[in-house]
């Protein structure tokens, strides 16, 4: 397969996702200067959406695809945007911006979509907080910045068994019930032998086990229902 990368861009840190749109299998990835979709059959560039990519070319979080729309977000002064994918009468594709917001400058912790809402951290190297935005409109439904007492700071997300597993950069692991209305914490703990480095590794849940990595140490916790 011949690769046809978008011009004037290059690789970044984001993982690719596979989608089906307009009768065509596509690979979508957030690159150094754009989020783009290419044909899975021959690598042809189908569309691109530049605005979510930051000028530092440090674009990390995986895009989200749902119902013909792609969401992507980065930090370093950029933000998050939703684009509607369109297939024109001539067979060509385009990405049309629906909304863009500075309220989801996601650094590297990722964003999840649940019940029509986006959950993820807003903030860069200077820190940040957990936020929840409406997927269709970009409206801020709630965030921890505006709380009287911030309960969770910037971190990484994973979703399993109807819950958000959230690892803050400071280290605590928090179990959150995803809600469009408010922040709902269901538990938290702090790992032993915590290093003095920011906790950037995403939590992973598989087969009833929660895996947490801190530099060279890996922890495994049983999170099966009792």
N, C-alpha and C. Protein backbone atom coordinates (compact mmCIF):
# COMPACT_ATOMS: atom_id res chain seq x y z
N UNK A 1 0.84 -1.19 0.00
CA UNK A 1 0.00 0.00 0.00
C UNK A 1 0.88 1.24 0.00
N UNK A 2 0.59 2.17 -0.87
CA UNK A 2 1.34 3.41 -0.93
C UNK A 2 0.79 4.41 0.07
N UNK A 3 1.67 4.99 0.86
CA UNK A 3 1.25 5.99 1.84
C UNK A 3 1.25 7.37 1.20
N UNK A 4 0.17 8.12 1.45
CA UNK A 4 0.06 9.48 0.92
C UNK A 4 -0.26 10.42 2.08
N UNK A 5 0.76 10.81 2.83
CA UNK A 5 0.57 11.66 4.00
C UNK A 5 0.13 13.05 3.58
N UNK A 6 -0.66 13.73 4.44
CA UNK A 6 -1.03 15.11 4.15
C UNK A 6 0.21 15.97 3.98
N UNK A 7 0.21 16.91 3.05
CA UNK A 7 1.38 17.76 2.84
C UNK A 7 1.66 18.65 4.04
N UNK A 8 2.92 19.00 4.22
CA UNK A 8 3.36 19.93 5.27
C UNK A 8 3.05 19.44 6.67
N UNK A 9 3.08 18.16 6.88
CA UNK A 9 2.88 17.63 8.22
C UNK A 9 3.73 16.38 8.38
N UNK A 10 3.64 15.77 9.54
CA UNK A 10 4.42 14.58 9.82
C UNK A 10 3.79 13.85 10.98
N UNK A 11 4.47 12.85 11.46
CA UNK A 11 3.94 12.05 12.56
C UNK A 11 3.97 12.81 13.87
N UNK A 12 3.07 12.45 14.78
CA UNK A 12 3.08 12.98 16.14
C UNK A 12 3.08 11.78 17.09
N UNK A 13 2.28 11.83 18.16
CA UNK A 13 2.30 10.78 19.16
C UNK A 13 0.98 10.02 19.25
N UNK A 14 -0.01 10.44 18.52
CA UNK A 14 -1.35 9.89 18.63
C UNK A 14 -1.48 8.54 17.94
N UNK A 15 -2.35 7.70 18.49
CA UNK A 15 -2.67 6.42 17.85
C UNK A 15 -3.73 6.63 16.78
N UNK A 16 -3.73 5.76 15.79
CA UNK A 16 -4.72 5.82 14.71
C UNK A 16 -5.95 5.01 15.10
N UNK A 17 -7.10 5.38 14.54
CA UNK A 17 -8.32 4.61 14.71
C UNK A 17 -8.86 4.27 13.32
N UNK A 18 -9.63 3.20 13.24
CA UNK A 18 -10.25 2.79 11.98
C UNK A 18 -11.74 3.12 12.04
N UNK A 19 -12.26 3.73 10.98
CA UNK A 19 -13.68 4.07 10.92
C UNK A 19 -14.25 3.66 9.57
N UNK A 20 -15.57 3.57 9.51
CA UNK A 20 -16.26 3.34 8.25
C UNK A 20 -17.20 4.51 8.01
N UNK A 21 -16.96 5.23 6.91
CA UNK A 21 -17.79 6.39 6.59
C UNK A 21 -17.89 6.54 5.08
N UNK A 22 -19.09 6.85 4.61
CA UNK A 22 -19.28 7.08 3.19
C UNK A 22 -18.97 5.87 2.33
N UNK A 23 -19.20 4.69 2.89
CA UNK A 23 -18.94 3.47 2.15
C UNK A 23 -17.47 3.14 2.01
N UNK A 24 -16.64 3.74 2.85
CA UNK A 24 -15.20 3.53 2.73
C UNK A 24 -14.56 3.35 4.10
N UNK A 25 -13.67 2.39 4.19
CA UNK A 25 -12.88 2.19 5.39
C UNK A 25 -11.77 3.23 5.43
N UNK A 26 -11.63 3.91 6.58
CA UNK A 26 -10.64 4.96 6.71
C UNK A 26 -9.82 4.78 7.98
N UNK A 27 -8.58 5.25 7.92
CA UNK A 27 -7.75 5.36 9.12
C UNK A 27 -7.64 6.84 9.47
N UNK A 28 -7.94 7.16 10.72
CA UNK A 28 -7.94 8.55 11.18
C UNK A 28 -6.86 8.70 12.25
N UNK A 29 -6.04 9.74 12.10
CA UNK A 29 -4.96 9.96 13.06
C UNK A 29 -4.69 11.44 13.24
N UNK A 30 -4.38 11.81 14.48
CA UNK A 30 -3.96 13.17 14.79
C UNK A 30 -2.46 13.24 14.54
N UNK A 31 -2.07 14.02 13.55
CA UNK A 31 -0.68 14.12 13.13
C UNK A 31 -0.03 15.38 13.71
N UNK A 32 1.13 15.74 13.21
CA UNK A 32 1.86 16.88 13.77
C UNK A 32 1.16 18.21 13.54
N UNK A 33 0.42 18.33 12.42
CA UNK A 33 -0.20 19.61 12.11
C UNK A 33 -1.66 19.51 11.70
N UNK A 34 -2.26 18.33 11.84
CA UNK A 34 -3.65 18.16 11.44
C UNK A 34 -4.17 16.83 11.95
N UNK A 35 -5.49 16.68 11.94
CA UNK A 35 -6.10 15.35 12.08
C UNK A 35 -6.62 15.00 10.70
N UNK A 36 -6.31 13.79 10.23
CA UNK A 36 -6.60 13.45 8.84
C UNK A 36 -7.16 12.05 8.73
N UNK A 37 -7.92 11.85 7.64
CA UNK A 37 -8.44 10.53 7.31
C UNK A 37 -7.87 10.07 5.98
N UNK A 38 -7.39 8.84 5.93
CA UNK A 38 -6.85 8.29 4.69
C UNK A 38 -7.57 6.99 4.36
N UNK A 39 -7.60 6.66 3.09
CA UNK A 39 -8.23 5.43 2.64
C UNK A 39 -7.45 4.22 3.14
N UNK A 40 -8.17 3.26 3.71
CA UNK A 40 -7.52 2.04 4.16
C UNK A 40 -7.06 1.19 2.99
N UNK A 41 -7.66 1.40 1.82
CA UNK A 41 -7.34 0.58 0.65
C UNK A 41 -6.02 0.99 0.00
N UNK A 42 -5.78 2.32 -0.11
CA UNK A 42 -4.59 2.74 -0.85
C UNK A 42 -3.82 3.89 -0.19
N UNK A 43 -4.24 4.33 1.00
CA UNK A 43 -3.51 5.39 1.69
C UNK A 43 -3.78 6.79 1.18
N UNK A 44 -4.74 6.96 0.28
CA UNK A 44 -5.05 8.28 -0.27
C UNK A 44 -5.63 9.19 0.80
N UNK A 45 -5.15 10.43 0.83
CA UNK A 45 -5.70 11.42 1.75
C UNK A 45 -7.13 11.75 1.35
N UNK A 46 -8.06 11.61 2.30
CA UNK A 46 -9.48 11.87 2.03
C UNK A 46 -9.93 13.22 2.58
N UNK A 47 -9.46 13.59 3.75
CA UNK A 47 -9.84 14.85 4.37
C UNK A 47 -8.84 15.20 5.46
N UNK A 48 -8.87 16.46 5.89
CA UNK A 48 -8.02 16.91 7.00
C UNK A 48 -8.72 18.04 7.75
N UNK A 49 -8.39 18.17 9.03
CA UNK A 49 -8.95 19.20 9.90
C UNK A 49 -7.80 19.70 10.77
N UNK A 50 -7.33 20.91 10.50
CA UNK A 50 -6.08 21.39 11.08
C UNK A 50 -6.20 22.00 12.48
N UNK A 51 -7.33 22.59 12.80
CA UNK A 51 -7.42 23.46 13.97
C UNK A 51 -7.04 22.81 15.31
N UNK A 52 -7.39 21.55 15.57
CA UNK A 52 -7.03 20.98 16.88
C UNK A 52 -5.53 20.77 17.09
N UNK A 53 -4.74 20.72 16.03
CA UNK A 53 -3.30 20.49 16.17
C UNK A 53 -2.62 21.76 16.68
N UNK A 54 -1.71 21.60 17.64
CA UNK A 54 -1.03 22.77 18.20
C UNK A 54 0.25 23.09 17.45
N UNK A 55 0.73 24.32 17.63
CA UNK A 55 1.91 24.78 16.92
C UNK A 55 3.20 24.13 17.37
N UNK A 56 3.17 23.45 18.51
CA UNK A 56 4.36 22.75 19.01
C UNK A 56 4.56 21.40 18.33
N UNK A 57 3.55 20.96 17.57
CA UNK A 57 3.57 19.66 16.90
C UNK A 57 3.58 18.51 17.91
N UNK A 58 3.12 18.80 19.14
CA UNK A 58 3.05 17.78 20.19
C UNK A 58 1.58 17.40 20.36
N UNK A 59 1.11 16.53 19.50
CA UNK A 59 -0.29 16.13 19.47
C UNK A 59 -0.38 14.66 19.85
N UNK A 60 -1.08 14.38 20.94
CA UNK A 60 -0.92 13.08 21.59
C UNK A 60 -2.20 12.27 21.69
N UNK A 61 -3.29 12.87 22.09
CA UNK A 61 -4.51 12.12 22.38
C UNK A 61 -5.13 11.51 21.13
N UNK A 62 -5.75 10.36 21.30
CA UNK A 62 -6.38 9.65 20.20
C UNK A 62 -7.70 10.32 19.81
N UNK A 63 -7.95 10.53 18.52
CA UNK A 63 -9.24 11.11 18.10
C UNK A 63 -10.41 10.19 18.46
N UNK A 64 -11.60 10.77 18.49
CA UNK A 64 -12.83 10.03 18.75
C UNK A 64 -13.75 10.16 17.54
N UNK A 65 -14.30 9.04 17.10
CA UNK A 65 -15.26 9.06 15.99
C UNK A 65 -16.61 8.57 16.48
N UNK A 66 -17.67 9.32 16.11
CA UNK A 66 -19.03 8.90 16.47
C UNK A 66 -20.03 9.54 15.52
N UNK A 67 -20.85 8.71 14.91
CA UNK A 67 -21.99 9.18 14.12
C UNK A 67 -21.58 10.21 13.05
N UNK A 68 -20.53 9.90 12.32
CA UNK A 68 -20.11 10.77 11.23
C UNK A 68 -19.33 12.00 11.66
N UNK A 69 -18.92 12.05 12.91
CA UNK A 69 -18.18 13.20 13.44
C UNK A 69 -16.86 12.73 14.06
N UNK A 70 -15.84 13.59 13.97
CA UNK A 70 -14.54 13.31 14.57
C UNK A 70 -14.18 14.43 15.54
N UNK A 71 -13.79 14.03 16.76
CA UNK A 71 -13.32 14.99 17.76
C UNK A 71 -11.84 14.76 18.00
N UNK A 72 -11.09 15.86 18.09
CA UNK A 72 -9.66 15.78 18.40
C UNK A 72 -9.29 16.98 19.26
N UNK A 73 -8.29 16.79 20.13
CA UNK A 73 -7.90 17.87 21.04
C UNK A 73 -6.42 17.78 21.38
N UNK A 74 -5.80 18.95 21.60
CA UNK A 74 -4.42 19.02 22.06
C UNK A 74 -4.28 20.19 23.02
N UNK A 75 -3.12 20.27 23.66
CA UNK A 75 -2.83 21.36 24.60
C UNK A 75 -1.93 22.39 23.93
N UNK A 76 -1.08 23.06 24.72
CA UNK A 76 -0.15 24.08 24.22
C UNK A 76 -0.88 25.21 23.48
N UNK A 77 -2.00 25.64 24.08
CA UNK A 77 -2.73 26.78 23.54
C UNK A 77 -3.73 26.46 22.45
N UNK A 78 -3.89 25.19 22.12
CA UNK A 78 -4.83 24.82 21.05
C UNK A 78 -6.23 24.64 21.64
N UNK A 79 -6.71 23.41 21.73
CA UNK A 79 -8.04 23.14 22.24
C UNK A 79 -8.61 21.92 21.55
N UNK A 80 -9.92 21.76 21.66
CA UNK A 80 -10.58 20.61 21.06
C UNK A 80 -11.66 21.04 20.09
N UNK A 81 -11.81 20.27 19.01
CA UNK A 81 -12.80 20.61 18.00
C UNK A 81 -13.52 19.39 17.46
N UNK A 82 -14.76 19.61 17.06
CA UNK A 82 -15.57 18.55 16.44
C UNK A 82 -15.80 18.90 14.98
N UNK A 83 -15.53 17.94 14.10
CA UNK A 83 -15.73 18.13 12.67
C UNK A 83 -16.72 17.10 12.15
N UNK A 84 -17.61 17.55 11.29
CA UNK A 84 -18.56 16.66 10.62
C UNK A 84 -17.96 16.21 9.29
N UNK A 85 -17.93 14.91 9.08
CA UNK A 85 -17.42 14.38 7.82
C UNK A 85 -18.52 14.42 6.76
N UNK A 86 -18.14 14.83 5.57
CA UNK A 86 -19.09 14.98 4.47
C UNK A 86 -18.54 14.29 3.23
N UNK A 87 -19.42 13.55 2.54
CA UNK A 87 -19.06 12.99 1.25
C UNK A 87 -19.83 13.75 0.18
N UNK A 88 -19.10 14.41 -0.71
CA UNK A 88 -19.71 15.25 -1.73
C UNK A 88 -20.24 14.42 -2.91
N UNK A 89 -21.00 15.07 -3.77
CA UNK A 89 -21.58 14.39 -4.93
C UNK A 89 -20.52 13.82 -5.86
N UNK A 90 -19.36 14.47 -5.90
CA UNK A 90 -18.28 13.99 -6.78
C UNK A 90 -17.46 12.87 -6.14
N UNK A 91 -17.86 12.45 -4.93
CA UNK A 91 -17.18 11.36 -4.25
C UNK A 91 -16.06 11.79 -3.33
N UNK A 92 -15.71 13.08 -3.34
CA UNK A 92 -14.66 13.57 -2.46
C UNK A 92 -15.19 13.77 -1.04
N UNK A 93 -14.26 13.74 -0.08
CA UNK A 93 -14.62 13.90 1.33
C UNK A 93 -14.14 15.26 1.85
N UNK A 94 -14.79 15.73 2.90
CA UNK A 94 -14.38 16.97 3.56
C UNK A 94 -14.73 16.88 5.04
N UNK A 95 -14.04 17.68 5.84
CA UNK A 95 -14.34 17.79 7.27
C UNK A 95 -14.78 19.22 7.55
N UNK A 96 -16.01 19.39 8.04
CA UNK A 96 -16.56 20.70 8.31
C UNK A 96 -16.68 20.92 9.81
N UNK A 97 -16.06 21.98 10.30
CA UNK A 97 -16.05 22.23 11.74
C UNK A 97 -17.46 22.51 12.27
N UNK A 98 -17.80 21.85 13.38
CA UNK A 98 -19.07 22.07 14.06
C UNK A 98 -18.87 23.04 15.23
N UNK A 99 -17.84 22.78 16.03
CA UNK A 99 -17.49 23.69 17.12
C UNK A 99 -16.03 23.50 17.51
N UNK A 100 -15.48 24.51 18.17
CA UNK A 100 -14.12 24.44 18.70
C UNK A 100 -14.11 25.12 20.06
N UNK A 101 -13.38 24.53 21.01
CA UNK A 101 -13.41 25.05 22.38
C UNK A 101 -12.03 25.00 23.02
N UNK A 102 -11.73 26.04 23.78
CA UNK A 102 -10.51 26.07 24.60
C UNK A 102 -10.73 25.36 25.93
N UNK A 103 -11.92 24.84 26.14
CA UNK A 103 -12.25 24.19 27.41
C UNK A 103 -11.88 22.72 27.45
N UNK A 104 -11.23 22.23 26.38
CA UNK A 104 -10.73 20.85 26.38
C UNK A 104 -9.38 20.82 25.69
N UNK A 105 -8.40 21.50 26.31
CA UNK A 105 -7.02 21.44 25.83
C UNK A 105 -6.39 20.19 26.42
N UNK A 106 -6.65 19.07 25.78
CA UNK A 106 -6.21 17.79 26.33
C UNK A 106 -4.74 17.54 25.97
N UNK A 107 -3.92 17.38 26.99
CA UNK A 107 -2.47 17.25 26.81
C UNK A 107 -2.10 15.86 26.30
N UNK A 108 -2.29 14.85 27.15
CA UNK A 108 -1.93 13.49 26.77
C UNK A 108 -2.79 12.44 27.46
N UNK A 109 -3.69 12.86 28.32
CA UNK A 109 -4.44 11.91 29.14
C UNK A 109 -5.61 11.25 28.44
N UNK A 110 -5.96 11.74 27.24
CA UNK A 110 -7.05 11.12 26.50
C UNK A 110 -8.42 11.64 26.89
N UNK A 111 -9.38 11.38 26.03
CA UNK A 111 -10.77 11.79 26.23
C UNK A 111 -11.66 10.59 25.90
N UNK A 112 -12.73 10.43 26.66
CA UNK A 112 -13.68 9.36 26.36
C UNK A 112 -15.05 9.98 26.08
N UNK A 113 -15.84 9.26 25.30
CA UNK A 113 -17.20 9.67 24.97
C UNK A 113 -18.17 8.70 25.60
N UNK A 114 -19.11 9.24 26.40
CA UNK A 114 -20.12 8.40 27.05
C UNK A 114 -21.39 9.21 27.22
N UNK A 115 -22.51 8.64 26.82
CA UNK A 115 -23.81 9.28 26.98
C UNK A 115 -23.83 10.68 26.38
N UNK A 116 -23.22 10.83 25.22
CA UNK A 116 -23.23 12.12 24.54
C UNK A 116 -22.36 13.18 25.15
N UNK A 117 -21.44 12.78 26.03
CA UNK A 117 -20.57 13.75 26.69
C UNK A 117 -19.11 13.31 26.59
N UNK A 118 -18.22 14.30 26.52
CA UNK A 118 -16.78 14.06 26.50
C UNK A 118 -16.22 14.27 27.89
N UNK A 119 -15.41 13.33 28.36
CA UNK A 119 -14.78 13.42 29.67
C UNK A 119 -13.26 13.38 29.47
N UNK A 120 -12.56 14.38 29.98
CA UNK A 120 -11.11 14.41 29.85
C UNK A 120 -10.53 15.60 30.59
N UNK A 121 -9.21 15.64 30.66
CA UNK A 121 -8.54 16.71 31.38
C UNK A 121 -8.29 17.90 30.47
N UNK A 122 -8.48 19.09 31.00
CA UNK A 122 -8.20 20.33 30.29
C UNK A 122 -6.97 20.97 30.93
N UNK A 123 -5.87 21.08 30.17
CA UNK A 123 -4.67 21.70 30.72
C UNK A 123 -3.41 21.09 30.15
N UNK A 124 -2.31 21.85 30.21
CA UNK A 124 -1.04 21.40 29.67
C UNK A 124 -0.01 21.15 30.75
N UNK A 125 1.24 21.55 30.48
CA UNK A 125 2.32 21.30 31.44
C UNK A 125 2.13 22.03 32.75
N UNK A 126 1.33 23.09 32.74
CA UNK A 126 1.09 23.84 33.96
C UNK A 126 0.02 23.24 34.86
N UNK A 127 -0.51 22.08 34.49
CA UNK A 127 -1.55 21.45 35.28
C UNK A 127 -2.92 21.68 34.66
N UNK A 128 -3.94 21.19 35.32
CA UNK A 128 -5.29 21.33 34.79
C UNK A 128 -6.30 20.63 35.65
N UNK A 129 -7.43 20.27 35.05
CA UNK A 129 -8.55 19.72 35.82
C UNK A 129 -9.44 18.90 34.90
N UNK A 130 -10.25 18.05 35.49
CA UNK A 130 -11.19 17.23 34.75
C UNK A 130 -12.36 18.08 34.27
N UNK A 131 -12.80 17.84 33.03
CA UNK A 131 -13.91 18.59 32.46
C UNK A 131 -14.85 17.66 31.71
N UNK A 132 -16.09 18.11 31.55
CA UNK A 132 -17.11 17.36 30.83
C UNK A 132 -17.81 18.31 29.86
N UNK A 133 -17.76 17.97 28.56
CA UNK A 133 -18.36 18.80 27.52
C UNK A 133 -19.41 18.01 26.73
N UNK A 134 -20.42 18.70 26.26
CA UNK A 134 -21.40 18.06 25.39
C UNK A 134 -20.76 17.77 24.04
N UNK A 135 -20.92 16.55 23.55
CA UNK A 135 -20.26 16.15 22.31
C UNK A 135 -20.77 16.93 21.11
N UNK A 136 -22.06 17.16 21.02
CA UNK A 136 -22.65 17.79 19.84
C UNK A 136 -22.41 19.30 19.79
N UNK A 137 -22.38 19.96 20.96
CA UNK A 137 -22.34 21.42 20.97
C UNK A 137 -21.06 22.02 21.53
N UNK A 138 -20.30 21.24 22.31
CA UNK A 138 -19.11 21.77 22.96
C UNK A 138 -19.40 22.52 24.24
N UNK A 139 -20.66 22.56 24.65
CA UNK A 139 -21.03 23.25 25.89
C UNK A 139 -20.34 22.58 27.08
N UNK A 140 -19.79 23.39 27.98
CA UNK A 140 -19.20 22.86 29.21
C UNK A 140 -20.32 22.47 30.15
N UNK A 141 -20.44 21.18 30.43
CA UNK A 141 -21.49 20.70 31.33
C UNK A 141 -21.07 20.85 32.79
N UNK A 142 -19.80 20.58 33.08
CA UNK A 142 -19.22 20.85 34.39
C UNK A 142 -17.71 20.71 34.28
N UNK A 143 -17.00 21.28 35.23
CA UNK A 143 -15.57 21.05 35.33
C UNK A 143 -15.11 21.26 36.76
N UNK A 144 -13.94 20.73 37.05
CA UNK A 144 -13.41 20.81 38.41
C UNK A 144 -12.70 22.14 38.67
N UNK A 145 -12.51 22.93 37.65
CA UNK A 145 -11.92 24.26 37.85
C UNK A 145 -12.86 25.14 38.65
N UNK A 146 -14.16 25.01 38.37
CA UNK A 146 -15.14 25.87 39.01
C UNK A 146 -15.66 25.34 40.34
N UNK A 147 -15.17 24.17 40.75
CA UNK A 147 -15.62 23.61 42.02
C UNK A 147 -15.07 24.42 43.19
N UNK A 148 -15.81 24.44 44.28
CA UNK A 148 -15.34 25.13 45.48
C UNK A 148 -14.05 24.51 45.99
N UNK A 149 -13.96 23.19 45.87
CA UNK A 149 -12.74 22.48 46.26
C UNK A 149 -12.44 21.46 45.17
N UNK A 150 -11.39 21.73 44.40
CA UNK A 150 -11.06 20.85 43.29
C UNK A 150 -10.69 19.46 43.81
N UNK A 151 -11.41 18.44 43.31
CA UNK A 151 -11.21 17.08 43.80
C UNK A 151 -10.27 16.26 42.93
N UNK A 152 -10.20 16.60 41.65
CA UNK A 152 -9.28 15.91 40.76
C UNK A 152 -8.60 16.92 39.85
N UNK A 153 -7.31 16.73 39.66
CA UNK A 153 -6.54 17.60 38.78
C UNK A 153 -6.36 16.90 37.43
N UNK A 154 -5.46 17.40 36.63
CA UNK A 154 -5.17 16.82 35.32
C UNK A 154 -4.75 15.36 35.45
N UNK A 155 -5.20 14.53 34.48
CA UNK A 155 -4.86 13.12 34.56
C UNK A 155 -5.20 12.37 33.29
N UNK A 156 -5.14 11.03 33.38
CA UNK A 156 -5.39 10.14 32.25
C UNK A 156 -6.64 9.32 32.51
N UNK A 157 -7.36 8.99 31.44
CA UNK A 157 -8.64 8.31 31.58
C UNK A 157 -8.65 6.93 30.93
N UNK A 158 -9.46 6.07 31.52
CA UNK A 158 -9.81 4.78 30.91
C UNK A 158 -11.26 4.52 31.28
N UNK A 159 -11.96 3.75 30.44
CA UNK A 159 -13.37 3.47 30.68
C UNK A 159 -13.60 1.97 30.67
N UNK A 160 -14.24 1.46 31.73
CA UNK A 160 -14.54 0.03 31.80
C UNK A 160 -15.70 -0.20 32.76
N UNK A 161 -16.57 -1.14 32.40
CA UNK A 161 -17.68 -1.53 33.27
C UNK A 161 -18.53 -0.34 33.70
N UNK A 162 -18.72 0.61 32.80
CA UNK A 162 -19.58 1.74 33.09
C UNK A 162 -18.98 2.79 34.00
N UNK A 163 -17.68 2.73 34.24
CA UNK A 163 -17.02 3.68 35.13
C UNK A 163 -15.77 4.25 34.47
N UNK A 164 -15.39 5.44 34.92
CA UNK A 164 -14.15 6.06 34.49
C UNK A 164 -13.08 5.78 35.53
N UNK A 165 -11.96 5.23 35.09
CA UNK A 165 -10.79 5.06 35.94
C UNK A 165 -9.84 6.21 35.60
N UNK A 166 -9.59 7.06 36.57
CA UNK A 166 -8.87 8.31 36.32
C UNK A 166 -7.61 8.36 37.16
N UNK A 167 -6.47 8.50 36.48
CA UNK A 167 -5.18 8.57 37.16
C UNK A 167 -4.69 10.01 37.12
N UNK A 168 -4.64 10.68 38.27
CA UNK A 168 -4.16 12.05 38.29
C UNK A 168 -2.64 12.06 38.17
N UNK A 169 -2.10 13.18 37.68
CA UNK A 169 -0.65 13.28 37.55
C UNK A 169 0.05 13.18 38.89
N UNK A 170 -0.62 13.61 39.96
CA UNK A 170 -0.02 13.52 41.30
C UNK A 170 0.04 12.08 41.80
N UNK A 171 -0.78 11.20 41.21
CA UNK A 171 -0.70 9.79 41.59
C UNK A 171 -1.99 9.11 41.97
N UNK A 172 -2.90 9.75 42.73
CA UNK A 172 -4.13 9.06 43.14
C UNK A 172 -4.93 8.53 41.96
N UNK A 173 -5.53 7.36 42.15
CA UNK A 173 -6.40 6.74 41.15
C UNK A 173 -7.83 6.90 41.64
N UNK A 174 -8.70 7.44 40.79
CA UNK A 174 -10.05 7.79 41.20
C UNK A 174 -11.06 7.04 40.34
N UNK A 175 -12.08 6.49 40.98
CA UNK A 175 -13.18 5.84 40.28
C UNK A 175 -14.33 6.84 40.18
N UNK A 176 -14.79 7.11 38.95
CA UNK A 176 -15.79 8.14 38.72
C UNK A 176 -16.98 7.55 37.97
N UNK A 177 -18.16 7.86 38.43
CA UNK A 177 -19.37 7.50 37.69
C UNK A 177 -19.63 8.59 36.66
N UNK A 178 -19.62 8.26 35.37
CA UNK A 178 -19.78 9.31 34.35
C UNK A 178 -21.18 9.90 34.38
N UNK A 179 -21.26 11.20 34.54
CA UNK A 179 -22.54 11.90 34.60
C UNK A 179 -22.44 13.21 33.85
N UNK A 180 -23.47 13.54 33.10
CA UNK A 180 -23.52 14.82 32.41
C UNK A 180 -23.83 15.97 33.38
N UNK A 181 -24.36 15.65 34.54
CA UNK A 181 -24.85 16.68 35.45
C UNK A 181 -23.79 17.18 36.43
N UNK A 182 -22.94 16.26 36.92
CA UNK A 182 -22.00 16.65 37.96
C UNK A 182 -20.88 15.62 38.11
N UNK A 183 -19.84 16.03 38.82
CA UNK A 183 -18.75 15.12 39.14
C UNK A 183 -19.22 14.16 40.23
N UNK A 184 -19.10 12.84 39.98
CA UNK A 184 -19.57 11.84 40.93
C UNK A 184 -18.46 10.84 41.21
N UNK A 185 -17.77 11.03 42.31
CA UNK A 185 -16.66 10.15 42.69
C UNK A 185 -17.19 8.96 43.48
N UNK A 186 -16.69 7.75 43.13
CA UNK A 186 -17.14 6.53 43.79
C UNK A 186 -16.03 5.83 44.57
N UNK A 187 -14.84 6.40 44.56
CA UNK A 187 -13.75 5.82 45.33
C UNK A 187 -12.41 6.30 44.82
N UNK A 188 -11.38 6.12 45.65
CA UNK A 188 -10.02 6.48 45.24
C UNK A 188 -9.01 5.77 46.13
N UNK A 189 -7.80 5.65 45.62
CA UNK A 189 -6.70 5.12 46.43
C UNK A 189 -5.39 5.65 45.88
N UNK A 190 -4.35 5.52 46.67
CA UNK A 190 -3.01 5.94 46.26
C UNK A 190 -2.10 4.72 46.26
N UNK A 191 -1.37 4.53 45.20
CA UNK A 191 -0.48 3.37 45.09
C UNK A 191 0.66 3.47 46.10
N UNK A 192 1.22 2.35 46.51
CA UNK A 192 2.44 2.38 47.33
C UNK A 192 3.66 2.67 46.47
N UNK A 193 4.75 3.00 47.10
CA UNK A 193 6.04 3.21 46.41
C UNK A 193 5.93 4.23 45.28
N UNK A 194 5.20 5.30 45.53
CA UNK A 194 4.99 6.33 44.51
C UNK A 194 6.30 7.08 44.25
N UNK A 195 6.65 7.26 42.97
CA UNK A 195 7.84 8.02 42.61
C UNK A 195 7.53 9.51 42.68
N UNK A 196 8.56 10.33 42.43
CA UNK A 196 8.35 11.78 42.44
C UNK A 196 8.12 12.33 41.03
N UNK A 197 7.87 11.44 40.06
CA UNK A 197 7.62 11.84 38.68
C UNK A 197 6.12 11.97 38.42
N UNK A 198 5.72 12.85 37.48
CA UNK A 198 4.30 12.92 37.12
C UNK A 198 3.82 11.58 36.59
N UNK A 199 2.62 11.19 36.98
CA UNK A 199 2.04 9.92 36.54
C UNK A 199 1.34 10.14 35.20
N UNK A 200 2.00 9.75 34.12
CA UNK A 200 1.45 9.97 32.78
C UNK A 200 0.89 8.70 32.15
N UNK A 201 1.33 7.54 32.60
CA UNK A 201 0.86 6.30 31.99
C UNK A 201 -0.64 6.12 32.24
N UNK A 202 -1.37 5.77 31.19
CA UNK A 202 -2.81 5.58 31.33
C UNK A 202 -3.12 4.31 32.13
N UNK A 203 -4.18 4.35 32.94
CA UNK A 203 -4.62 3.11 33.59
C UNK A 203 -5.20 2.16 32.54
N UNK A 204 -5.09 0.88 32.79
CA UNK A 204 -5.62 -0.14 31.88
C UNK A 204 -6.45 -1.12 32.69
N UNK A 205 -7.64 -1.45 32.18
CA UNK A 205 -8.51 -2.43 32.83
C UNK A 205 -8.75 -3.58 31.85
N UNK A 206 -8.46 -4.80 32.30
CA UNK A 206 -8.65 -5.98 31.45
C UNK A 206 -8.94 -7.19 32.33
N UNK A 207 -10.00 -7.92 31.99
CA UNK A 207 -10.35 -9.16 32.69
C UNK A 207 -10.46 -8.96 34.20
N UNK A 208 -11.08 -7.86 34.59
CA UNK A 208 -11.29 -7.61 36.01
C UNK A 208 -10.08 -7.14 36.77
N UNK A 209 -9.02 -6.79 36.06
CA UNK A 209 -7.79 -6.32 36.70
C UNK A 209 -7.48 -4.89 36.25
N UNK A 210 -7.06 -4.07 37.21
CA UNK A 210 -6.63 -2.70 36.93
C UNK A 210 -5.11 -2.65 36.99
N UNK A 211 -4.50 -2.18 35.90
CA UNK A 211 -3.05 -2.10 35.82
C UNK A 211 -2.62 -0.63 35.88
N UNK A 212 -1.69 -0.35 36.77
CA UNK A 212 -1.16 1.00 36.97
C UNK A 212 0.36 0.95 36.88
N UNK A 213 0.93 1.79 36.01
CA UNK A 213 2.39 1.83 35.90
C UNK A 213 2.91 3.16 36.43
N UNK A 214 3.99 3.08 37.20
CA UNK A 214 4.68 4.27 37.69
C UNK A 214 6.16 4.08 37.38
N UNK A 215 6.62 4.72 36.29
CA UNK A 215 7.98 4.55 35.82
C UNK A 215 8.28 3.06 35.59
N UNK A 216 9.19 2.45 36.34
CA UNK A 216 9.59 1.06 36.09
C UNK A 216 8.80 0.04 36.90
N UNK A 217 7.77 0.49 37.61
CA UNK A 217 7.01 -0.42 38.46
C UNK A 217 5.58 -0.56 37.95
N UNK A 218 5.10 -1.80 37.88
CA UNK A 218 3.74 -2.08 37.44
C UNK A 218 2.95 -2.68 38.60
N UNK A 219 1.76 -2.13 38.84
CA UNK A 219 0.88 -2.62 39.89
C UNK A 219 -0.37 -3.21 39.26
N UNK A 220 -0.91 -4.26 39.87
CA UNK A 220 -2.13 -4.90 39.39
C UNK A 220 -3.11 -5.02 40.55
N UNK A 221 -4.36 -4.56 40.32
CA UNK A 221 -5.38 -4.59 41.36
C UNK A 221 -6.61 -5.34 40.85
N UNK A 222 -7.21 -6.12 41.73
CA UNK A 222 -8.43 -6.83 41.41
C UNK A 222 -9.61 -5.87 41.56
N UNK A 223 -10.33 -5.60 40.47
CA UNK A 223 -11.46 -4.68 40.53
C UNK A 223 -12.76 -5.37 40.12
N UNK A 224 -12.78 -6.69 40.20
CA UNK A 224 -14.00 -7.42 39.88
C UNK A 224 -15.06 -7.14 40.94
N UNK A 225 -16.34 -7.10 40.53
CA UNK A 225 -17.42 -6.90 41.52
C UNK A 225 -17.41 -8.02 42.55
N UNK A 226 -17.60 -7.66 43.79
CA UNK A 226 -17.59 -8.64 44.88
C UNK A 226 -19.01 -9.07 45.23
